Amino acid sequence: MANGAYWHLASNHIPVMAIPFISVLLFAGLIRKSNDLIKASYITALAVALFTIFVWKSGDAAEGVVHELPGIQLADIDAHEKAADFGFAAAEILGVLSLVGLYRGRGGNYSTRWGYFVVVVALWAATVEARVAHLGGLIRHSEIRAAPATPKSATPL
């Protein structure tokens, strides 16, 4: 039976991967002046914002599973949780701006000025999500931590 950690790990890559994709899709739509691509990017961003609610909510269940495991640092969980709150907000902001973009373009004429603004917000949100993912990875993946500096005297000749 799947537990909270399973559902969180199975779903948390979606906003991390989808938001950069949305940025590229929207930018391509703006460059090509394609209302279909612009609309698709807004709809995708809205769907990701809605799905991110599940990802964010599943974090508490995941924490309940992993916080007692050996080698887990509570400071890593806390740092990821704080970043995840910010990442959740970033995804929701992108979703709301995309909903506004859909509303503004409801006649099929999407504003490029608004679209470029949303691209910038999407790129910002992508960096926020990347940081959330990195901090989440630090909880269980010690191999992504920076290696400690080797003292010069310990360096083999």
C-alpha atoms as a PDB file:
ATOM      1  CA  MET A   1       0.000   0.000   0.000  1.00  0.00           C
ATOM      2  CA  ALA A   2       1.326   3.439  -0.915  1.00  0.00           C
ATOM      3  CA  ASN A   3       2.055   5.825   1.944  1.00  0.00           C
ATOM      4  CA  GLY A   4       2.302   9.616   2.118  1.00  0.00           C
ATOM      5  CA  ALA A   5       5.954   9.654   1.093  1.00  0.00           C
ATOM      6  CA  TYR A   6       5.135   7.608  -2.007  1.00  0.00           C
ATOM      7  CA  TRP A   7       2.409  10.012  -3.148  1.00  0.00           C
ATOM      8  CA  HIS A   8       4.572  13.052  -2.483  1.00  0.00           C
ATOM      9  CA  LEU A   9       7.546  11.623  -4.363  1.00  0.00           C
ATOM     10  CA  ALA A  10       5.359  10.403  -7.221  1.00  0.00           C
ATOM     11  CA  SER A  11       3.790  13.824  -7.723  1.00  0.00           C
ATOM     12  CA  ASN A  12       6.347  16.457  -6.777  1.00  0.00           C
ATOM     13  CA  HIS A  13       8.240  16.321 -10.060  1.00  0.00           C
ATOM     14  CA  ILE A  14       5.232  17.547 -12.028  1.00  0.00           C
ATOM     15  CA  PRO A  15       5.413  21.256 -11.095  1.00  0.00           C
ATOM     16  CA  VAL A  16       9.225  21.159 -11.192  1.00  0.00           C
ATOM     17  CA  MET A  17       9.214  19.898 -14.784  1.00  0.00           C
ATOM     18  CA  ALA A  18       5.974  21.449 -16.041  1.00  0.00           C
ATOM     19  CA  ILE A  19       6.660  25.079 -15.128  1.00  0.00           C
ATOM     20  CA  PRO A  20       9.817  25.381 -17.290  1.00  0.00           C
ATOM     21  CA  PHE A  21       7.858  23.651 -20.079  1.00  0.00           C
ATOM     22  CA  ILE A  22       5.058  26.209 -19.661  1.00  0.00           C
ATOM     23  CA  SER A  23       7.629  29.014 -19.947  1.00  0.00           C
ATOM     24  CA  VAL A  24       8.940  27.631 -23.232  1.00  0.00           C
ATOM     25  CA  LEU A  25       5.467  26.891 -24.595  1.00  0.00           C
ATOM     26  CA  LEU A  26       4.186  30.365 -23.785  1.00  0.00           C
ATOM     27  CA  PHE A  27       7.301  32.049 -25.163  1.00  0.00           C
ATOM     28  CA  ALA A  28       6.989  30.018 -28.386  1.00  0.00           C
ATOM     29  CA  GLY A  29       3.332  30.999 -28.643  1.00  0.00           C
ATOM     30  CA  LEU A  30       4.196  34.662 -28.246  1.00  0.00           C
ATOM     31  CA  ILE A  31       7.028  34.537 -30.784  1.00  0.00           C
ATOM     32  CA  ARG A  32       4.906  32.642 -33.326  1.00  0.00           C
ATOM     33  CA  LYS A  33       1.841  34.754 -32.508  1.00  0.00           C
ATOM     34  CA  SER A  34      -0.066  31.514 -31.957  1.00  0.00           C
ATOM     35  CA  ASN A  35      -3.209  31.955 -29.902  1.00  0.00           C
ATOM     36  CA  ASP A  36      -3.471  28.163 -29.663  1.00  0.00           C
ATOM     37  CA  LEU A  37      -0.031  27.819 -28.002  1.00  0.00           C
ATOM     38  CA  ILE A  38      -0.684  30.756 -25.699  1.00  0.00           C
ATOM     39  CA  LYS A  39      -4.032  29.303 -24.659  1.00  0.00           C
ATOM     40  CA  ALA A  40      -2.486  25.842 -24.179  1.00  0.00           C
ATOM     41  CA  SER A  41       0.229  27.267 -21.944  1.00  0.00           C
ATOM     42  CA  TYR A  42      -2.299  29.134 -19.808  1.00  0.00           C
ATOM     43  CA  ILE A  43      -4.489  26.041 -19.450  1.00  0.00           C
ATOM     44  CA  THR A  44      -1.444  23.924 -18.585  1.00  0.00           C
ATOM     45  CA  ALA A  45      -0.310  26.458 -15.977  1.00  0.00           C
ATOM     46  CA  LEU A  46      -3.778  26.476 -14.452  1.00  0.00           C
ATOM     47  CA  ALA A  47      -3.813  22.652 -14.314  1.00  0.00           C
ATOM     48  CA  VAL A  48      -0.353  22.596 -12.723  1.00  0.00           C
ATOM     49  CA  ALA A  49      -1.433  25.174 -10.141  1.00  0.00           C
ATOM     50  CA  LEU A  50      -4.395  22.988  -9.209  1.00  0.00           C
ATOM     51  CA  PHE A  51      -2.254  19.840  -9.104  1.00  0.00           C
ATOM     52  CA  THR A  52       0.353  21.606  -6.958  1.00  0.00           C
ATOM     53  CA  ILE A  53      -2.243  21.820  -4.190  1.00  0.00           C
ATOM     54  CA  PHE A  54      -2.070  18.016  -3.934  1.00  0.00           C
ATOM     55  CA  VAL A  55       1.745  18.038  -4.043  1.00  0.00           C
ATOM     56  CA  TRP A  56       1.922  20.651  -1.296  1.00  0.00           C
ATOM     57  CA  LYS A  57      -0.655  18.905   0.897  1.00  0.00           C
ATOM     58  CA  SER A  58       1.075  15.523   0.525  1.00  0.00           C
ATOM     59  CA  GLY A  59       4.261  16.979   2.023  1.00  0.00           C
ATOM     60  CA  ASP A  60       2.994  16.658   5.591  1.00  0.00           C
ATOM     61  CA  ALA A  61       2.203  12.984   5.076  1.00  0.00           C
ATOM     62  CA  ALA A  62       5.665  12.448   3.609  1.00  0.00           C
ATOM     63  CA  GLU A  63       7.253  14.193   6.572  1.00  0.00           C
ATOM     64  CA  GLY A  64       5.391  11.867   8.913  1.00  0.00           C
ATOM     65  CA  VAL A  65       6.940   8.871   7.179  1.00  0.00           C
ATOM     66  CA  VAL A  66      10.552  10.052   6.866  1.00  0.00           C
ATOM     67  CA  HIS A  67      11.227  12.144   9.970  1.00  0.00           C
ATOM     68  CA  GLU A  68      12.050   9.082  12.099  1.00  0.00           C
ATOM     69  CA  LEU A  69      14.282   7.378   9.527  1.00  0.00           C
ATOM     70  CA  PRO A  70      17.989   7.100  10.347  1.00  0.00           C
ATOM     71  CA  GLY A  71      20.173   9.812   8.871  1.00  0.00           C
ATOM     72  CA  ILE A  72      17.331  12.265   8.334  1.00  0.00           C
ATOM     73  CA  GLN A  73      18.122  15.797   9.426  1.00  0.00           C
ATOM     74  CA  LEU A  74      15.111  17.708  10.719  1.00  0.00           C
ATOM     75  CA  ALA A  75      16.790  20.921   9.555  1.00  0.00           C
ATOM     76  CA  ASP A  76      16.667  19.577   5.978  1.00  0.00           C
ATOM     77  CA  ILE A  77      12.952  18.846   6.312  1.00  0.00           C
ATOM     78  CA  ASP A  78      12.298  22.304   7.761  1.00  0.00           C
ATOM     79  CA  ALA A  79      14.268  24.054   4.992  1.00  0.00           C
ATOM     80  CA  HIS A  80      12.391  22.084   2.319  1.00  0.00           C
ATOM     81  CA  GLU A  81       9.045  22.778   3.978  1.00  0.00           C
ATOM     82  CA  LYS A  82       9.648  26.541   4.104  1.00  0.00           C
ATOM     83  CA  ALA A  83      10.809  26.586   0.495  1.00  0.00           C
ATOM     84  CA  ALA A  84       7.820  24.430  -0.498  1.00  0.00           C
ATOM     85  CA  ASP A  85       5.431  26.990   0.982  1.00  0.00           C
ATOM     86  CA  PHE A  86       7.059  29.606  -1.238  1.00  0.00           C
ATOM     87  CA  GLY A  87       7.021  27.199  -4.211  1.00  0.00           C
ATOM     88  CA  PHE A  88       3.346  26.534  -3.663  1.00  0.00           C
ATOM     89  CA  ALA A  89       2.684  30.279  -3.694  1.00  0.00           C
ATOM     90  CA  ALA A  90       4.738  30.693  -6.888  1.00  0.00           C
ATOM     91  CA  ALA A  91       2.761  27.972  -8.692  1.00  0.00           C
ATOM     92  CA  GLU A  92      -0.540  29.444  -7.535  1.00  0.00           C
ATOM     93  CA  ILE A  93       0.471  32.952  -8.618  1.00  0.00           C
ATOM     94  CA  LEU A  94       1.344  31.567 -12.047  1.00  0.00           C
ATOM     95  CA  GLY A  95      -2.020  29.801 -12.156  1.00  0.00           C
ATOM     96  CA  VAL A  96      -3.946  32.942 -11.255  1.00  0.00           C
ATOM     97  CA  LEU A  97      -2.044  35.020 -13.823  1.00  0.00           C
ATOM     98  CA  SER A  98      -2.785  32.357 -16.429  1.00  0.00           C
ATOM     99  CA  LEU A  99      -6.458  32.409 -15.508  1.00  0.00           C
ATOM    100  CA  VAL A 100      -6.408  36.187 -15.993  1.00  0.00           C
ATOM    101  CA  GLY A 101      -4.660  35.623 -19.346  1.00  0.00           C
ATOM    102  CA  LEU A 102      -7.388  33.197 -20.400  1.00  0.00           C
ATOM    103  CA  TYR A 103     -10.057  35.672 -19.378  1.00  0.00           C
ATOM    104  CA  ARG A 104      -8.370  38.549 -21.189  1.00  0.00           C
ATOM    105  CA  GLY A 105      -8.035  36.463 -24.347  1.00  0.00           C
ATOM    106  CA  ARG A 106     -11.516  34.925 -24.227  1.00  0.00           C
ATOM    107  CA  GLY A 107     -12.299  36.344 -27.668  1.00  0.00           C
ATOM    108  CA  GLY A 108      -9.250  34.596 -29.116  1.00  0.00           C
ATOM    109  CA  ASN A 109      -7.026  37.674 -29.053  1.00  0.00           C
ATOM    110  CA  TYR A 110      -4.330  37.152 -26.406  1.00  0.00           C
ATOM    111  CA  SER A 111      -2.314  40.157 -25.241  1.00  0.00           C
ATOM    112  CA  THR A 112       1.388  39.743 -25.953  1.00  0.00           C
ATOM    113  CA  ARG A 113       2.291  42.265 -23.244  1.00  0.00           C
ATOM    114  CA  TRP A 114       0.435  40.179 -20.651  1.00  0.00           C
ATOM    115  CA  GLY A 115       1.955  37.025 -22.106  1.00  0.00           C
ATOM    116  CA  TYR A 116       5.523  38.291 -21.733  1.00  0.00           C
ATOM    117  CA  PHE A 117       4.750  39.277 -18.145  1.00  0.00           C
ATOM    118  CA  VAL A 118       3.490  35.746 -17.474  1.00  0.00           C
ATOM    119  CA  VAL A 119       6.626  34.268 -19.125  1.00  0.00           C
ATOM    120  CA  VAL A 120       8.798  36.244 -16.701  1.00  0.00           C
ATOM    121  CA  VAL A 121       6.696  35.069 -13.748  1.00  0.00           C
ATOM    122  CA  ALA A 122       6.868  31.478 -15.037  1.00  0.00           C
ATOM    123  CA  LEU A 123      10.664  31.658 -15.285  1.00  0.00           C
ATOM    124  CA  TRP A 124      10.812  33.007 -11.740  1.00  0.00           C
ATOM    125  CA  ALA A 125       8.473  30.224 -10.567  1.00  0.00           C
ATOM    126  CA  ALA A 126      10.687  27.651 -12.307  1.00  0.00           C
ATOM    127  CA  THR A 127      13.704  28.818 -10.294  1.00  0.00           C
ATOM    128  CA  VAL A 128      11.670  28.700  -7.095  1.00  0.00           C
ATOM    129  CA  GLU A 129      10.539  25.145  -7.857  1.00  0.00           C
ATOM    130  CA  ALA A 130      14.113  24.100  -8.674  1.00  0.00           C
ATOM    131  CA  ARG A 131      15.230  25.275  -5.234  1.00  0.00           C
ATOM    132  CA  VAL A 132      12.346  23.433  -3.565  1.00  0.00           C
ATOM    133  CA  ALA A 133      13.333  20.265  -5.426  1.00  0.00           C
ATOM    134  CA  HIS A 134      16.996  20.639  -4.479  1.00  0.00           C
ATOM    135  CA  LEU A 135      16.178  21.095  -0.804  1.00  0.00           C
ATOM    136  CA  GLY A 136      13.798  18.138  -0.947  1.00  0.00           C
ATOM    137  CA  GLY A 137      16.517  16.016  -2.507  1.00  0.00           C
ATOM    138  CA  LEU A 138      18.882  16.853   0.334  1.00  0.00           C
ATOM    139  CA  ILE A 139      16.545  15.074   2.764  1.00  0.00           C
ATOM    140  CA  ARG A 140      17.430  11.603   1.433  1.00  0.00           C
ATOM    141  CA  HIS A 141      20.101  12.057  -1.227  1.00  0.00           C
ATOM    142  CA  SER A 142      23.413  12.717   0.469  1.00  0.00           C
ATOM    143  CA  GLU A 143      25.158  12.296  -2.896  1.00  0.00           C
ATOM    144  CA  ILE A 144      23.946  15.745  -4.005  1.00  0.00           C
ATOM    145  CA  ARG A 145      25.487  17.501  -1.037  1.00  0.00           C
ATOM    146  CA  ALA A 146      28.658  19.486  -1.640  1.00  0.00           C
ATOM    147  CA  ALA A 147      31.682  17.383  -0.766  1.00  0.00           C
ATOM    148  CA  PRO A 148      33.587  18.683   2.223  1.00  0.00           C
ATOM    149  CA  ALA A 149      36.795  20.483   1.348  1.00  0.00           C
ATOM    150  CA  THR A 150      39.860  18.273   1.613  1.00  0.00           C
ATOM    151  CA  PRO A 151      42.663  19.855   3.637  1.00  0.00           C
ATOM    152  CA  LYS A 152      45.763  20.454   1.520  1.00  0.00           C
ATOM    153  CA  SER A 153      47.869  18.401   3.911  1.00  0.00           C
ATOM    154  CA  ALA A 154      45.636  15.364   3.311  1.00  0.00           C
ATOM    155  CA  THR A 155      45.960  15.575  -0.472  1.00  0.00           C
ATOM    156  CA  PRO A 156      48.065  12.686  -1.837  1.00  0.00           C
ATOM    157  CA  LEU A 157      51.220  13.611  -3.754  1.00  0.00           C
END
